[in-house]
């Protein structure tokens, strides 16, 4: 796997939560892409995928997990 390849670190159904996660990752210097955000916002039935470069994945997952427990 290429270190810059994007990998999924979590899914959410709430576009606002996706933006909160994206901002938290950005604060830690982790670039993040959000996939399916517009479709999910319109229907609420699609998962929004949080994607980061593979070499950031472990750190991103830990940050997301700690954020969920706050």
N, C-alpha and C. Protein backbone atom coordinates (compact mmCIF):
# COMPACT_ATOMS: atom_id res chain seq x y z
N UNK A 1 0.84 -1.17 0.00
CA UNK A 1 0.00 0.00 0.00
C UNK A 1 0.88 1.24 0.00
N UNK A 2 0.56 2.18 -0.85
CA UNK A 2 1.27 3.45 -0.93
C UNK A 2 0.94 4.28 0.31
N UNK A 3 1.93 4.88 0.92
CA UNK A 3 1.74 5.66 2.15
C UNK A 3 0.79 6.84 1.95
N UNK A 4 0.72 7.35 0.72
CA UNK A 4 -0.16 8.49 0.45
C UNK A 4 -1.55 8.05 -0.01
N UNK A 5 -1.76 6.75 -0.18
CA UNK A 5 -3.07 6.25 -0.58
C UNK A 5 -4.08 6.57 0.53
N UNK A 6 -5.27 7.02 0.15
CA UNK A 6 -6.28 7.33 1.15
C UNK A 6 -6.95 6.05 1.64
N UNK A 7 -7.12 5.98 2.96
CA UNK A 7 -7.79 4.84 3.57
C UNK A 7 -8.90 5.37 4.48
N UNK A 8 -9.93 4.57 4.63
CA UNK A 8 -11.05 4.94 5.49
C UNK A 8 -10.68 4.72 6.95
N UNK A 9 -10.91 5.73 7.78
CA UNK A 9 -10.64 5.58 9.21
C UNK A 9 -11.92 5.53 10.03
N UNK A 10 -13.03 5.99 9.47
CA UNK A 10 -14.32 5.84 10.14
C UNK A 10 -15.43 6.26 9.18
N UNK A 11 -16.65 5.91 9.56
CA UNK A 11 -17.83 6.36 8.83
C UNK A 11 -18.81 6.97 9.83
N UNK A 12 -19.53 7.97 9.37
CA UNK A 12 -20.58 8.61 10.16
C UNK A 12 -21.76 8.87 9.24
N UNK A 13 -22.90 9.18 9.81
CA UNK A 13 -24.08 9.53 9.00
C UNK A 13 -24.44 11.00 9.12
N UNK A 14 -23.78 11.69 10.01
CA UNK A 14 -24.08 13.09 10.30
C UNK A 14 -22.99 13.98 9.69
N UNK A 15 -23.39 14.86 8.76
CA UNK A 15 -22.43 15.73 8.07
C UNK A 15 -21.73 16.67 9.05
N UNK A 16 -22.43 17.10 10.08
CA UNK A 16 -21.81 17.98 11.07
C UNK A 16 -20.72 17.24 11.84
N UNK A 17 -21.00 16.00 12.22
CA UNK A 17 -19.98 15.19 12.92
C UNK A 17 -18.77 14.98 12.01
N UNK A 18 -19.02 14.75 10.73
CA UNK A 18 -17.91 14.57 9.78
C UNK A 18 -17.02 15.81 9.75
N UNK A 19 -17.62 16.99 9.76
CA UNK A 19 -16.84 18.23 9.74
C UNK A 19 -16.07 18.41 11.05
N UNK A 20 -16.68 18.03 12.17
CA UNK A 20 -15.98 18.12 13.46
C UNK A 20 -14.75 17.22 13.45
N UNK A 21 -14.92 16.01 12.94
CA UNK A 21 -13.79 15.08 12.85
C UNK A 21 -12.72 15.63 11.92
N UNK A 22 -13.13 16.14 10.78
CA UNK A 22 -12.18 16.71 9.82
C UNK A 22 -11.37 17.84 10.46
N UNK A 23 -12.05 18.71 11.20
CA UNK A 23 -11.36 19.83 11.85
C UNK A 23 -10.41 19.34 12.95
N UNK A 24 -10.83 18.33 13.71
CA UNK A 24 -9.97 17.78 14.76
C UNK A 24 -8.71 17.16 14.15
N UNK A 25 -8.87 16.46 13.03
CA UNK A 25 -7.71 15.87 12.36
C UNK A 25 -6.80 16.97 11.81
N UNK A 26 -7.40 18.00 11.21
CA UNK A 26 -6.61 19.11 10.67
C UNK A 26 -5.81 19.80 11.77
N UNK A 27 -6.41 19.93 12.96
CA UNK A 27 -5.70 20.55 14.09
C UNK A 27 -4.45 19.76 14.47
N UNK A 28 -4.45 18.46 14.17
CA UNK A 28 -3.30 17.60 14.45
C UNK A 28 -2.38 17.46 13.23
N UNK A 29 -2.68 18.20 12.17
CA UNK A 29 -1.86 18.15 10.97
C UNK A 29 -2.12 16.96 10.07
N UNK A 30 -3.29 16.34 10.23
CA UNK A 30 -3.64 15.17 9.42
C UNK A 30 -4.60 15.60 8.32
N UNK A 31 -4.17 15.49 7.06
CA UNK A 31 -5.08 15.83 5.96
C UNK A 31 -6.22 14.82 5.89
N UNK A 32 -7.39 15.30 5.51
CA UNK A 32 -8.58 14.46 5.54
C UNK A 32 -9.48 14.79 4.36
N UNK A 33 -10.02 13.77 3.74
CA UNK A 33 -11.06 13.93 2.73
C UNK A 33 -12.33 13.31 3.26
N UNK A 34 -13.44 13.91 2.89
CA UNK A 34 -14.75 13.38 3.28
C UNK A 34 -15.44 12.93 2.00
N UNK A 35 -15.85 11.66 1.97
CA UNK A 35 -16.54 11.11 0.80
C UNK A 35 -18.01 10.89 1.11
N UNK A 36 -18.87 11.16 0.15
CA UNK A 36 -20.32 10.95 0.22
C UNK A 36 -21.03 11.98 1.09
N UNK A 37 -20.37 13.08 1.42
CA UNK A 37 -20.98 14.06 2.32
C UNK A 37 -22.25 14.66 1.73
N UNK A 38 -22.23 15.04 0.47
CA UNK A 38 -23.41 15.69 -0.11
C UNK A 38 -24.58 14.73 -0.22
N UNK A 39 -24.32 13.48 -0.59
CA UNK A 39 -25.40 12.49 -0.68
C UNK A 39 -25.99 12.20 0.69
N UNK A 40 -25.15 12.09 1.69
CA UNK A 40 -25.63 11.79 3.04
C UNK A 40 -26.43 12.96 3.59
N UNK A 41 -25.99 14.18 3.30
CA UNK A 41 -26.69 15.35 3.81
C UNK A 41 -28.09 15.45 3.23
N UNK A 42 -28.24 15.04 1.97
CA UNK A 42 -29.56 15.11 1.33
C UNK A 42 -30.49 14.01 1.81
N UNK A 43 -29.96 12.84 2.07
CA UNK A 43 -30.83 11.71 2.37
C UNK A 43 -30.70 11.18 3.79
N UNK A 44 -29.52 11.30 4.36
CA UNK A 44 -29.28 10.78 5.70
C UNK A 44 -29.16 9.27 5.76
N UNK A 45 -29.13 8.61 4.59
CA UNK A 45 -29.04 7.15 4.60
C UNK A 45 -27.69 6.61 4.14
N UNK A 46 -26.85 7.48 3.62
CA UNK A 46 -25.53 7.05 3.16
C UNK A 46 -24.50 7.31 4.25
N UNK A 47 -23.52 6.42 4.33
CA UNK A 47 -22.40 6.65 5.23
C UNK A 47 -21.48 7.70 4.64
N UNK A 48 -20.99 8.57 5.49
CA UNK A 48 -19.97 9.54 5.11
C UNK A 48 -18.64 8.92 5.51
N UNK A 49 -17.74 8.82 4.56
CA UNK A 49 -16.46 8.16 4.80
C UNK A 49 -15.38 9.19 5.09
N UNK A 50 -14.68 9.01 6.20
CA UNK A 50 -13.55 9.87 6.57
C UNK A 50 -12.29 9.17 6.09
N UNK A 51 -11.57 9.82 5.18
CA UNK A 51 -10.41 9.24 4.53
C UNK A 51 -9.16 10.06 4.85
N UNK A 52 -8.07 9.35 5.16
CA UNK A 52 -6.78 10.00 5.42
C UNK A 52 -5.68 9.22 4.70
N UNK A 53 -4.52 9.85 4.48
CA UNK A 53 -3.40 9.09 3.91
C UNK A 53 -3.05 7.91 4.82
N UNK A 54 -2.68 6.79 4.21
CA UNK A 54 -2.43 5.55 4.95
C UNK A 54 -1.45 5.75 6.10
N UNK A 55 -0.42 6.54 5.90
CA UNK A 55 0.59 6.69 6.95
C UNK A 55 0.09 7.48 8.15
N UNK A 56 -1.10 8.13 8.05
CA UNK A 56 -1.72 8.83 9.18
C UNK A 56 -2.84 8.02 9.82
N UNK A 57 -3.18 6.88 9.25
CA UNK A 57 -4.40 6.16 9.64
C UNK A 57 -4.43 5.77 11.12
N UNK A 58 -3.37 5.20 11.64
CA UNK A 58 -3.38 4.76 13.04
C UNK A 58 -3.58 5.94 13.99
N UNK A 59 -2.84 7.00 13.76
CA UNK A 59 -2.96 8.20 14.60
C UNK A 59 -4.36 8.79 14.48
N UNK A 60 -4.89 8.85 13.27
CA UNK A 60 -6.24 9.40 13.05
C UNK A 60 -7.29 8.58 13.79
N UNK A 61 -7.20 7.27 13.71
CA UNK A 61 -8.17 6.41 14.40
C UNK A 61 -8.13 6.63 15.91
N UNK A 62 -6.92 6.76 16.46
CA UNK A 62 -6.79 7.00 17.91
C UNK A 62 -7.40 8.34 18.30
N UNK A 63 -7.17 9.36 17.49
CA UNK A 63 -7.76 10.68 17.77
C UNK A 63 -9.28 10.63 17.71
N UNK A 64 -9.81 9.96 16.70
CA UNK A 64 -11.26 9.85 16.55
C UNK A 64 -11.85 9.09 17.73
N UNK A 65 -11.20 8.01 18.11
CA UNK A 65 -11.68 7.21 19.24
C UNK A 65 -11.67 8.03 20.53
N UNK A 66 -10.60 8.78 20.77
CA UNK A 66 -10.54 9.58 22.00
C UNK A 66 -11.57 10.70 21.96
N UNK A 67 -11.83 11.25 20.78
CA UNK A 67 -12.83 12.31 20.63
C UNK A 67 -14.22 11.77 20.90
N UNK A 68 -14.50 10.55 20.48
CA UNK A 68 -15.81 9.93 20.70
C UNK A 68 -16.08 9.67 22.17
N UNK A 69 -15.02 9.53 22.97
CA UNK A 69 -15.19 9.20 24.38
C UNK A 69 -15.21 10.44 25.28
N UNK A 70 -15.13 11.61 24.68
CA UNK A 70 -15.14 12.85 25.49
C UNK A 70 -16.55 13.23 25.85
